[in-house]
Amino acid sequence: VVITNILSNAIKYTPPKGCIEIKTETLEDSIVVSIKDNGIGFTKKEKNRIFQQFGKIERYGQGFDLGIDGNGLGLYISKKIVESHGGKIWMESEGKHKGSTFYFSLPK
């Protein structure tokens, strides 16, 4: 569910012919999954809301789901799932139109 939620958002907000990368990294005590896109990115204000319940960001996608609106629960649910397994979830973005990378880690 977590990967599906993050990946569907990456598809929704990445323009056609854009790039989405999925990587995994094994650390000493955890596994980290990252999903990076070159989509529309986030402002600092949006980054603060993204994992909140109903923390939907008002904007339209550029990718395959053009114009389809979400309910603002996918990343909130993903956060709850990851945290219930002792993990962490976070995201990074350099700003609007600079893409984003979502990460989550789970203990081994």
N, C-alpha and C. Protein backbone atom coordinates (compact mmCIF):
# COMPACT_ATOMS: atom_id res chain seq x y z
N VAL A 1 0.83 -1.19 0.00
CA VAL A 1 0.00 0.00 0.00
C VAL A 1 0.87 1.26 0.00
N VAL A 2 1.94 1.25 0.79
CA VAL A 2 2.80 2.43 0.89
C VAL A 2 3.44 2.75 -0.45
N ILE A 3 4.06 1.75 -1.07
CA ILE A 3 4.70 1.97 -2.38
C ILE A 3 3.66 2.38 -3.41
N THR A 4 2.51 1.73 -3.39
CA THR A 4 1.44 2.07 -4.35
C THR A 4 1.01 3.53 -4.20
N ASN A 5 0.81 4.00 -2.97
CA ASN A 5 0.39 5.39 -2.76
C ASN A 5 1.44 6.38 -3.25
N ILE A 6 2.70 6.14 -2.89
CA ILE A 6 3.75 7.07 -3.30
C ILE A 6 3.95 7.03 -4.81
N LEU A 7 3.97 5.84 -5.37
CA LEU A 7 4.19 5.69 -6.81
C LEU A 7 3.03 6.29 -7.61
N SER A 8 1.80 6.10 -7.16
CA SER A 8 0.67 6.68 -7.91
C SER A 8 0.72 8.20 -7.88
N ASN A 9 1.17 8.79 -6.77
CA ASN A 9 1.35 10.25 -6.73
C ASN A 9 2.47 10.69 -7.67
N ALA A 10 3.56 9.93 -7.71
CA ALA A 10 4.65 10.27 -8.63
C ALA A 10 4.16 10.24 -10.08
N ILE A 11 3.37 9.24 -10.42
CA ILE A 11 2.83 9.14 -11.78
C ILE A 11 1.89 10.31 -12.05
N LYS A 12 1.06 10.62 -11.08
CA LYS A 12 0.07 11.69 -11.24
C LYS A 12 0.72 13.06 -11.48
N TYR A 13 1.84 13.32 -10.78
CA TYR A 13 2.43 14.66 -10.81
C TYR A 13 3.72 14.77 -11.60
N THR A 14 4.04 13.75 -12.38
CA THR A 14 5.21 13.79 -13.25
C THR A 14 4.73 13.93 -14.69
N PRO A 15 5.29 14.85 -15.45
CA PRO A 15 4.83 15.06 -16.82
C PRO A 15 5.14 13.87 -17.72
N PRO A 16 4.39 13.73 -18.83
CA PRO A 16 4.72 12.68 -19.79
C PRO A 16 6.19 12.76 -20.18
N LYS A 17 6.81 11.63 -20.37
CA LYS A 17 8.23 11.49 -20.68
C LYS A 17 9.11 11.92 -19.50
N GLY A 18 8.51 12.06 -18.32
CA GLY A 18 9.27 12.35 -17.11
C GLY A 18 9.97 11.10 -16.62
N CYS A 19 10.62 11.22 -15.48
CA CYS A 19 11.41 10.12 -14.94
C CYS A 19 10.99 9.84 -13.50
N ILE A 20 10.79 8.57 -13.19
CA ILE A 20 10.52 8.12 -11.83
C ILE A 20 11.51 7.00 -11.53
N GLU A 21 12.23 7.13 -10.42
CA GLU A 21 13.22 6.13 -10.01
C GLU A 21 12.81 5.53 -8.67
N ILE A 22 12.89 4.22 -8.57
CA ILE A 22 12.64 3.52 -7.31
C ILE A 22 13.94 2.84 -6.91
N LYS A 23 14.39 3.10 -5.68
CA LYS A 23 15.64 2.51 -5.20
C LYS A 23 15.43 1.94 -3.80
N THR A 24 16.24 0.95 -3.47
CA THR A 24 16.28 0.43 -2.11
C THR A 24 17.72 0.45 -1.63
N GLU A 25 17.87 0.63 -0.34
CA GLU A 25 19.20 0.64 0.26
C GLU A 25 19.12 -0.13 1.58
N THR A 26 20.05 -1.04 1.77
CA THR A 26 20.11 -1.80 3.01
C THR A 26 21.15 -1.16 3.93
N LEU A 27 20.69 -0.72 5.09
CA LEU A 27 21.57 -0.15 6.09
C LEU A 27 21.77 -1.18 7.20
N GLU A 28 22.59 -0.84 8.17
CA GLU A 28 22.90 -1.78 9.24
C GLU A 28 21.65 -2.27 9.98
N ASP A 29 20.73 -1.35 10.26
CA ASP A 29 19.56 -1.71 11.05
C ASP A 29 18.22 -1.48 10.35
N SER A 30 18.25 -1.08 9.08
CA SER A 30 17.00 -0.80 8.38
C SER A 30 17.15 -0.94 6.87
N ILE A 31 16.00 -0.93 6.22
CA ILE A 31 15.91 -0.91 4.76
C ILE A 31 15.25 0.43 4.40
N VAL A 32 15.82 1.14 3.42
CA VAL A 32 15.26 2.43 2.99
C VAL A 32 14.81 2.30 1.53
N VAL A 33 13.59 2.70 1.27
CA VAL A 33 13.04 2.73 -0.09
C VAL A 33 12.88 4.20 -0.46
N SER A 34 13.32 4.56 -1.67
CA SER A 34 13.12 5.93 -2.16
C SER A 34 12.44 5.91 -3.52
N ILE A 35 11.54 6.85 -3.71
CA ILE A 35 10.85 7.03 -4.99
C ILE A 35 11.04 8.49 -5.38
N LYS A 36 11.79 8.70 -6.45
CA LYS A 36 12.16 10.04 -6.90
C LYS A 36 11.50 10.34 -8.24
N ASP A 37 11.00 11.56 -8.40
CA ASP A 37 10.42 11.97 -9.68
C ASP A 37 10.91 13.36 -10.06
N ASN A 38 10.71 13.71 -11.31
CA ASN A 38 11.05 15.06 -11.76
C ASN A 38 9.76 15.84 -12.06
N GLY A 39 8.78 15.64 -11.20
CA GLY A 39 7.48 16.28 -11.36
C GLY A 39 7.43 17.69 -10.81
N ILE A 40 6.26 18.08 -10.32
CA ILE A 40 6.02 19.48 -9.99
C ILE A 40 6.57 19.93 -8.64
N GLY A 41 7.05 19.02 -7.82
CA GLY A 41 7.72 19.41 -6.57
C GLY A 41 6.79 20.03 -5.54
N PHE A 42 7.40 20.53 -4.46
CA PHE A 42 6.65 21.08 -3.33
C PHE A 42 7.30 22.34 -2.80
N THR A 43 6.48 23.26 -2.33
CA THR A 43 6.99 24.40 -1.58
C THR A 43 7.19 23.97 -0.13
N LYS A 44 7.84 24.80 0.67
CA LYS A 44 8.03 24.48 2.10
C LYS A 44 6.68 24.34 2.80
N LYS A 45 5.74 25.20 2.48
CA LYS A 45 4.42 25.14 3.11
C LYS A 45 3.72 23.82 2.77
N GLU A 46 3.80 23.41 1.52
CA GLU A 46 3.18 22.15 1.11
C GLU A 46 3.86 20.96 1.79
N LYS A 47 5.18 21.01 1.92
CA LYS A 47 5.91 19.92 2.56
C LYS A 47 5.45 19.71 4.00
N ASN A 48 5.08 20.78 4.68
CA ASN A 48 4.63 20.67 6.07
C ASN A 48 3.26 20.01 6.20
N ARG A 49 2.47 20.01 5.14
CA ARG A 49 1.11 19.46 5.18
C ARG A 49 0.98 18.08 4.57
N ILE A 50 1.96 17.65 3.84
CA ILE A 50 1.80 16.51 2.94
C ILE A 50 1.41 15.20 3.63
N PHE A 51 1.85 14.97 4.86
CA PHE A 51 1.54 13.72 5.55
C PHE A 51 0.39 13.86 6.54
N GLN A 52 -0.26 15.02 6.57
CA GLN A 52 -1.39 15.23 7.48
C GLN A 52 -2.66 14.61 6.90
N GLN A 53 -3.58 14.23 7.79
CA GLN A 53 -4.86 13.72 7.34
C GLN A 53 -5.58 14.82 6.56
N PHE A 54 -6.08 14.47 5.40
CA PHE A 54 -6.71 15.40 4.46
C PHE A 54 -5.74 16.52 4.07
N GLY A 55 -4.44 16.20 4.06
CA GLY A 55 -3.41 17.19 3.74
C GLY A 55 -3.19 17.33 2.25
N LYS A 56 -4.24 17.24 1.53
CA LYS A 56 -4.20 17.31 0.07
C LYS A 56 -3.69 18.67 -0.39
N ILE A 57 -2.87 18.64 -1.41
CA ILE A 57 -2.33 19.86 -1.99
C ILE A 57 -3.18 20.22 -3.21
N GLU A 58 -3.68 21.42 -3.24
CA GLU A 58 -4.57 21.85 -4.33
C GLU A 58 -3.77 22.16 -5.59
N ARG A 59 -3.71 21.18 -6.47
CA ARG A 59 -3.04 21.37 -7.76
C ARG A 59 -3.42 20.20 -8.64
N TYR A 60 -3.24 20.38 -9.91
CA TYR A 60 -3.58 19.34 -10.85
C TYR A 60 -2.33 18.65 -11.33
N GLY A 61 -2.47 17.37 -11.60
CA GLY A 61 -1.35 16.58 -12.08
C GLY A 61 -0.97 16.96 -13.50
N GLN A 62 0.19 16.47 -13.89
CA GLN A 62 0.69 16.69 -15.25
C GLN A 62 0.87 15.36 -15.97
N GLY A 63 0.69 14.29 -15.25
CA GLY A 63 0.99 12.98 -15.81
C GLY A 63 -0.25 12.25 -16.28
N PHE A 64 -0.27 10.94 -16.06
CA PHE A 64 -1.33 10.10 -16.58
C PHE A 64 -2.69 10.35 -15.93
N ASP A 65 -2.70 10.85 -14.71
CA ASP A 65 -3.96 11.11 -14.01
C ASP A 65 -4.38 12.57 -14.12
N LEU A 66 -4.04 13.20 -15.19
CA LEU A 66 -4.29 14.63 -15.38
C LEU A 66 -5.70 15.02 -14.95
N GLY A 67 -5.76 15.94 -13.99
CA GLY A 67 -7.05 16.48 -13.57
C GLY A 67 -7.80 15.63 -12.56
N ILE A 68 -7.29 14.46 -12.19
CA ILE A 68 -7.97 13.62 -11.22
C ILE A 68 -7.54 14.04 -9.83
N ASP A 69 -8.49 14.34 -9.00
CA ASP A 69 -8.21 14.85 -7.66
C ASP A 69 -8.23 13.71 -6.65
N GLY A 70 -7.37 13.78 -5.65
CA GLY A 70 -7.34 12.78 -4.59
C GLY A 70 -8.12 13.26 -3.38
N ASN A 71 -8.09 12.43 -2.32
CA ASN A 71 -8.83 12.79 -1.11
C ASN A 71 -7.92 13.22 0.04
N GLY A 72 -6.62 13.23 -0.18
CA GLY A 72 -5.70 13.69 0.86
C GLY A 72 -5.44 12.69 1.96
N LEU A 73 -5.71 11.40 1.69
CA LEU A 73 -5.50 10.37 2.71
C LEU A 73 -4.36 9.41 2.41
N GLY A 74 -3.94 9.31 1.17
CA GLY A 74 -2.95 8.30 0.77
C GLY A 74 -1.65 8.37 1.54
N LEU A 75 -1.05 9.54 1.62
CA LEU A 75 0.23 9.67 2.32
C LEU A 75 0.05 9.63 3.83
N TYR A 76 -1.09 10.09 4.31
CA TYR A 76 -1.40 9.99 5.74
C TYR A 76 -1.48 8.52 6.15
N ILE A 77 -2.20 7.72 5.37
CA ILE A 77 -2.33 6.29 5.65
C ILE A 77 -0.96 5.62 5.53
N SER A 78 -0.20 5.99 4.52
CA SER A 78 1.15 5.43 4.35
C SER A 78 2.01 5.71 5.58
N LYS A 79 1.93 6.92 6.09
CA LYS A 79 2.69 7.29 7.28
C LYS A 79 2.29 6.43 8.47
N LYS A 80 1.00 6.25 8.67
CA LYS A 80 0.52 5.43 9.78
C LYS A 80 0.98 3.98 9.65
N ILE A 81 0.96 3.44 8.44
CA ILE A 81 1.41 2.06 8.22
C ILE A 81 2.89 1.92 8.54
N VAL A 82 3.70 2.81 7.98
CA VAL A 82 5.15 2.76 8.20
C VAL A 82 5.47 2.90 9.69
N GLU A 83 4.86 3.87 10.34
CA GLU A 83 5.12 4.09 11.77
C GLU A 83 4.66 2.92 12.63
N SER A 84 3.57 2.26 12.23
CA SER A 84 3.09 1.11 13.01
C SER A 84 4.06 -0.07 12.96
N HIS A 85 4.96 -0.05 11.98
CA HIS A 85 6.00 -1.09 11.86
C HIS A 85 7.35 -0.59 12.37
N GLY A 86 7.36 0.54 13.07
CA GLY A 86 8.59 1.06 13.65
C GLY A 86 9.47 1.82 12.67
N GLY A 87 8.89 2.23 11.54
CA GLY A 87 9.67 2.93 10.52
C GLY A 87 9.42 4.42 10.50
N LYS A 88 10.02 5.06 9.51
CA LYS A 88 9.88 6.51 9.31
C LYS A 88 9.57 6.76 7.84
N ILE A 89 8.87 7.86 7.57
CA ILE A 89 8.59 8.27 6.20
C ILE A 89 8.81 9.78 6.12
N TRP A 90 9.42 10.21 5.03
CA TRP A 90 9.70 11.64 4.84
C TRP A 90 9.85 11.93 3.36
N MET A 91 9.92 13.21 3.04
CA MET A 91 10.10 13.60 1.64
C MET A 91 11.02 14.80 1.56
N GLU A 92 11.61 14.97 0.39
CA GLU A 92 12.47 16.11 0.11
C GLU A 92 12.10 16.67 -1.25
N SER A 93 12.16 17.99 -1.37
CA SER A 93 11.93 18.66 -2.64
C SER A 93 12.68 19.98 -2.60
N GLU A 94 13.30 20.32 -3.70
CA GLU A 94 14.02 21.59 -3.81
C GLU A 94 13.07 22.75 -4.08
N GLY A 95 11.80 22.46 -4.32
CA GLY A 95 10.82 23.52 -4.57
C GLY A 95 9.95 23.20 -5.78
N LYS A 96 9.10 24.13 -6.09
CA LYS A 96 8.18 23.97 -7.23
C LYS A 96 8.93 23.68 -8.52
N HIS A 97 8.41 22.72 -9.27
CA HIS A 97 8.93 22.33 -10.58
C HIS A 97 10.33 21.73 -10.50
N LYS A 98 10.72 21.23 -9.32
CA LYS A 98 12.04 20.62 -9.16
C LYS A 98 11.95 19.18 -8.69
N GLY A 99 10.78 18.57 -8.82
CA GLY A 99 10.62 17.17 -8.46
C GLY A 99 10.62 16.95 -6.95
N SER A 100 10.52 15.69 -6.58
CA SER A 100 10.54 15.33 -5.17
C SER A 100 11.02 13.90 -5.01
N THR A 101 11.45 13.59 -3.80
CA THR A 101 11.84 12.23 -3.45
C THR A 101 11.15 11.88 -2.15
N PHE A 102 10.44 10.77 -2.15
CA PHE A 102 9.80 10.25 -0.95
C PHE A 102 10.61 9.06 -0.48
N TYR A 103 10.81 8.99 0.82
CA TYR A 103 11.58 7.91 1.44
C TYR A 103 10.74 7.27 2.53
N PHE A 104 10.96 5.98 2.73
CA PHE A 104 10.50 5.37 3.97
C PHE A 104 11.50 4.30 4.36
N SER A 105 11.65 4.14 5.67
CA SER A 105 12.57 3.14 6.19
C SER A 105 11.82 2.23 7.13
N LEU A 106 12.24 0.98 7.14
CA LEU A 106 11.67 -0.02 8.04
C LEU A 106 12.81 -0.76 8.71
N PRO A 107 12.65 -1.08 9.99
CA PRO A 107 13.72 -1.82 10.66
C PRO A 107 13.82 -3.24 10.09
N LYS A 108 15.03 -3.80 10.16
CA LYS A 108 15.23 -5.18 9.69
C LYS A 108 14.61 -6.15 10.67
